[in-house]
C-alpha atoms as a PDB file:
ATOM      1  CA  MET A   1     137.895 116.734 146.840  1.00  0.00           C
ATOM      2  CA  GLY A   2     141.248 117.323 148.498  1.00  0.00           C
ATOM      3  CA  ILE A   3     143.993 114.947 149.504  1.00  0.00           C
ATOM      4  CA  SER A   4     142.439 114.575 152.964  1.00  0.00           C
ATOM      5  CA  ASN A   5     139.306 113.095 151.345  1.00  0.00           C
ATOM      6  CA  LYS A   6     141.187 110.572 149.224  1.00  0.00           C
ATOM      7  CA  ILE A   7     140.134 106.953 149.642  1.00  0.00           C
ATOM      8  CA  GLU A   8     142.769 104.224 149.558  1.00  0.00           C
ATOM      9  CA  VAL A   9     142.070 100.501 149.254  1.00  0.00           C
ATOM     10  CA  GLU A  10     143.943  98.222 151.647  1.00  0.00           C
ATOM     11  CA  GLU A  11     144.055  94.437 151.670  1.00  0.00           C
ATOM     12  CA  VAL A  12     143.471  93.078 155.171  1.00  0.00           C
ATOM     13  CA  SER A  13     143.216  89.672 156.816  1.00  0.00           C
ATOM     14  CA  CYS A  14     139.889  87.902 157.190  1.00  0.00           C
ATOM     15  CA  GLU A  15     140.078  88.429 160.946  1.00  0.00           C
ATOM     16  CA  THR A  16     140.655  92.182 160.639  1.00  0.00           C
ATOM     17  CA  TYR A  17     137.939  92.498 158.002  1.00  0.00           C
ATOM     18  CA  GLY A  18     135.328  90.723 160.108  1.00  0.00           C
ATOM     19  CA  LEU A  19     135.951  92.575 163.386  1.00  0.00           C
ATOM     20  CA  ASP A  20     133.323  95.298 163.004  1.00  0.00           C
ATOM     21  CA  ILE A  21     131.515  94.457 159.785  1.00  0.00           C
ATOM     22  CA  SER A  22     128.156  94.783 161.549  1.00  0.00           C
ATOM     23  CA  SER A  23     128.807  98.554 161.760  1.00  0.00           C
ATOM     24  CA  TYR A  24     128.552  98.773 157.960  1.00  0.00           C
ATOM     25  CA  LYS A  25     125.435  98.622 155.820  1.00  0.00           C
ATOM     26  CA  HIS A  26     126.345  95.481 153.924  1.00  0.00           C
ATOM     27  CA  SER A  27     125.114  92.440 152.079  1.00  0.00           C
ATOM     28  CA  LEU A  28     125.417  88.895 153.376  1.00  0.00           C
ATOM     29  CA  PHE A  29     127.484  88.227 150.264  1.00  0.00           C
ATOM     30  CA  ILE A  30     130.528  90.171 151.491  1.00  0.00           C
ATOM     31  CA  THR A  31     130.729  88.583 154.950  1.00  0.00           C
ATOM     32  CA  PRO A  32     133.719  86.406 155.895  1.00  0.00           C
ATOM     33  CA  GLU A  33     131.358  83.461 156.337  1.00  0.00           C
ATOM     34  CA  TRP A  34     130.053  83.735 152.771  1.00  0.00           C
ATOM     35  CA  MET A  35     133.524  84.217 151.329  1.00  0.00           C
ATOM     36  CA  SER A  36     134.739  81.159 153.222  1.00  0.00           C
ATOM     37  CA  SER A  37     131.954  79.124 151.627  1.00  0.00           C
ATOM     38  CA  VAL A  38     133.064  80.094 148.093  1.00  0.00           C
ATOM     39  CA  SER A  39     136.830  80.271 148.654  1.00  0.00           C
ATOM     40  CA  ASP A  40     137.353  77.044 146.688  1.00  0.00           C
ATOM     41  CA  LYS A  41     136.663  79.094 143.535  1.00  0.00           C
ATOM     42  CA  GLY A  42     139.717  81.333 143.984  1.00  0.00           C
ATOM     43  CA  PRO A  43     141.785  83.387 146.427  1.00  0.00           C
ATOM     44  CA  VAL A  44     139.733  85.772 148.565  1.00  0.00           C
ATOM     45  CA  ARG A  45     140.604  89.458 148.899  1.00  0.00           C
ATOM     46  CA  TYR A  46     139.311  91.348 151.922  1.00  0.00           C
ATOM     47  CA  LEU A  47     139.403  95.087 151.265  1.00  0.00           C
ATOM     48  CA  HIS A  48     139.112  98.147 153.465  1.00  0.00           C
ATOM     49  CA  PHE A  49     138.440 101.552 151.937  1.00  0.00           C
ATOM     50  CA  VAL A  50     140.290 104.061 154.104  1.00  0.00           C
ATOM     51  CA  SER A  51     139.905 107.849 154.250  1.00  0.00           C
ATOM     52  CA  ASN A  52     141.687 110.018 156.832  1.00  0.00           C
ATOM     53  CA  GLY A  53     142.743 106.899 158.743  1.00  0.00           C
ATOM     54  CA  GLN A  54     139.171 105.606 159.080  1.00  0.00           C
ATOM     55  CA  VAL A  55     137.643 102.614 157.330  1.00  0.00           C
ATOM     56  CA  VAL A  56     134.670 104.029 155.409  1.00  0.00           C
ATOM     57  CA  ALA A  57     133.732 100.845 153.524  1.00  0.00           C
ATOM     58  CA  LYS A  58     134.475  97.128 153.286  1.00  0.00           C
ATOM     59  CA  LEU A  59     134.329  94.743 150.356  1.00  0.00           C
ATOM     60  CA  SER A  60     135.396  91.150 149.788  1.00  0.00           C
ATOM     61  CA  GLY A  61     135.652  89.164 146.610  1.00  0.00           C
ATOM     62  CA  LEU A  62     137.526  86.533 144.660  1.00  0.00           C
ATOM     63  CA  VAL A  63     140.512  86.691 142.349  1.00  0.00           C
ATOM     64  CA  LEU A  64     139.618  84.630 139.282  1.00  0.00           C
ATOM     65  CA  VAL A  65     141.728  83.732 136.277  1.00  0.00           C
ATOM     66  CA  GLY A  66     140.232  84.056 132.828  1.00  0.00           C
ATOM     67  CA  SER A  67     141.729  83.326 129.452  1.00  0.00           C
ATOM     68  CA  LYS A  68     145.176  84.575 128.442  1.00  0.00           C
ATOM     69  CA  LEU A  69     143.420  87.477 126.782  1.00  0.00           C
ATOM     70  CA  VAL A  70     141.387  88.425 129.864  1.00  0.00           C
ATOM     71  CA  GLY A  71     143.908  87.578 132.592  1.00  0.00           C
ATOM     72  CA  LYS A  72     143.086  87.709 136.292  1.00  0.00           C
ATOM     73  CA  TYR A  73     140.118  89.693 137.543  1.00  0.00           C
ATOM     74  CA  LEU A  74     138.186  90.525 140.679  1.00  0.00           C
ATOM     75  CA  PHE A  75     134.734  89.069 141.199  1.00  0.00           C
ATOM     76  CA  PHE A  76     132.349  90.440 143.820  1.00  0.00           C
ATOM     77  CA  TYR A  77     129.003  88.983 144.840  1.00  0.00           C
ATOM     78  CA  ALA A  78     127.764  92.377 146.100  1.00  0.00           C
ATOM     79  CA  GLY A  79     128.775  96.012 146.451  1.00  0.00           C
ATOM     80  CA  PRO A  80     130.720  97.462 149.349  1.00  0.00           C
ATOM     81  CA  GLY A  81     129.407  97.780 152.875  1.00  0.00           C
ATOM     82  CA  LEU A  82     129.372 101.501 153.631  1.00  0.00           C
ATOM     83  CA  ILE A  83     129.365 103.545 156.820  1.00  0.00           C
ATOM     84  CA  ASP A  84     127.972 106.574 154.957  1.00  0.00           C
ATOM     85  CA  HIS A  85     125.444 104.969 152.627  1.00  0.00           C
ATOM     86  CA  THR A  86     125.244 107.700 149.987  1.00  0.00           C
ATOM     87  CA  PRO A  87     125.647 107.644 146.200  1.00  0.00           C
ATOM     88  CA  GLN A  88     128.661 109.960 146.544  1.00  0.00           C
ATOM     89  CA  MET A  89     130.480 107.606 148.929  1.00  0.00           C
ATOM     90  CA  TYR A  90     129.671 104.637 146.718  1.00  0.00           C
ATOM     91  CA  ASP A  91     131.097 106.469 143.681  1.00  0.00           C
ATOM     92  CA  ARG A  92     134.241 107.437 145.597  1.00  0.00           C
ATOM     93  CA  CYS A  93     134.766 103.838 146.688  1.00  0.00           C
ATOM     94  CA  MET A  94     134.301 102.538 143.149  1.00  0.00           C
ATOM     95  CA  ALA A  95     136.857 105.070 141.862  1.00  0.00           C
ATOM     96  CA  ALA A  96     139.319 103.912 144.545  1.00  0.00           C
ATOM     97  CA  LEU A  97     138.638 100.283 143.600  1.00  0.00           C
ATOM     98  CA  MET A  98     139.500 101.045 139.968  1.00  0.00           C
ATOM     99  CA  VAL A  99     142.842 102.546 141.044  1.00  0.00           C
ATOM    100  CA  TYR A 100     143.539  99.497 143.235  1.00  0.00           C
ATOM    101  CA  ALA A 101     142.640  97.083 140.389  1.00  0.00           C
ATOM    102  CA  ARG A 102     144.984  98.860 137.959  1.00  0.00           C
ATOM    103  CA  LYS A 103     147.851  98.786 140.484  1.00  0.00           C
ATOM    104  CA  LYS A 104     147.346  95.055 141.037  1.00  0.00           C
ATOM    105  CA  ASN A 105     147.023  94.362 137.279  1.00  0.00           C
ATOM    106  CA  TYR A 106     143.472  93.037 137.429  1.00  0.00           C
ATOM    107  CA  ALA A 107     141.736  93.107 134.070  1.00  0.00           C
ATOM    108  CA  LYS A 108     138.339  94.051 135.452  1.00  0.00           C
END
């Protein structure tokens, strides 16, 4: 996997996230409407997974705060919505999500 195949995670607005979500194989539980209904539980993060300038997956979740030992963490109700619904793409997106979480200091 070369640099051109690298996947980066980008935070986007709710509006940007929802524009073409129907193009992705996704769960109801990552839609802007669902996230709006649970947003009282914590700040929502709308994420795009980008490779070669194209959004290859979308995921939304909450930032929750645990104990002082645990710290803040990301909580997702479902996995990412993928354009290319393959185990390899899923694995690549999860690896990119781990990098993103470490950069943002999320515990898990």
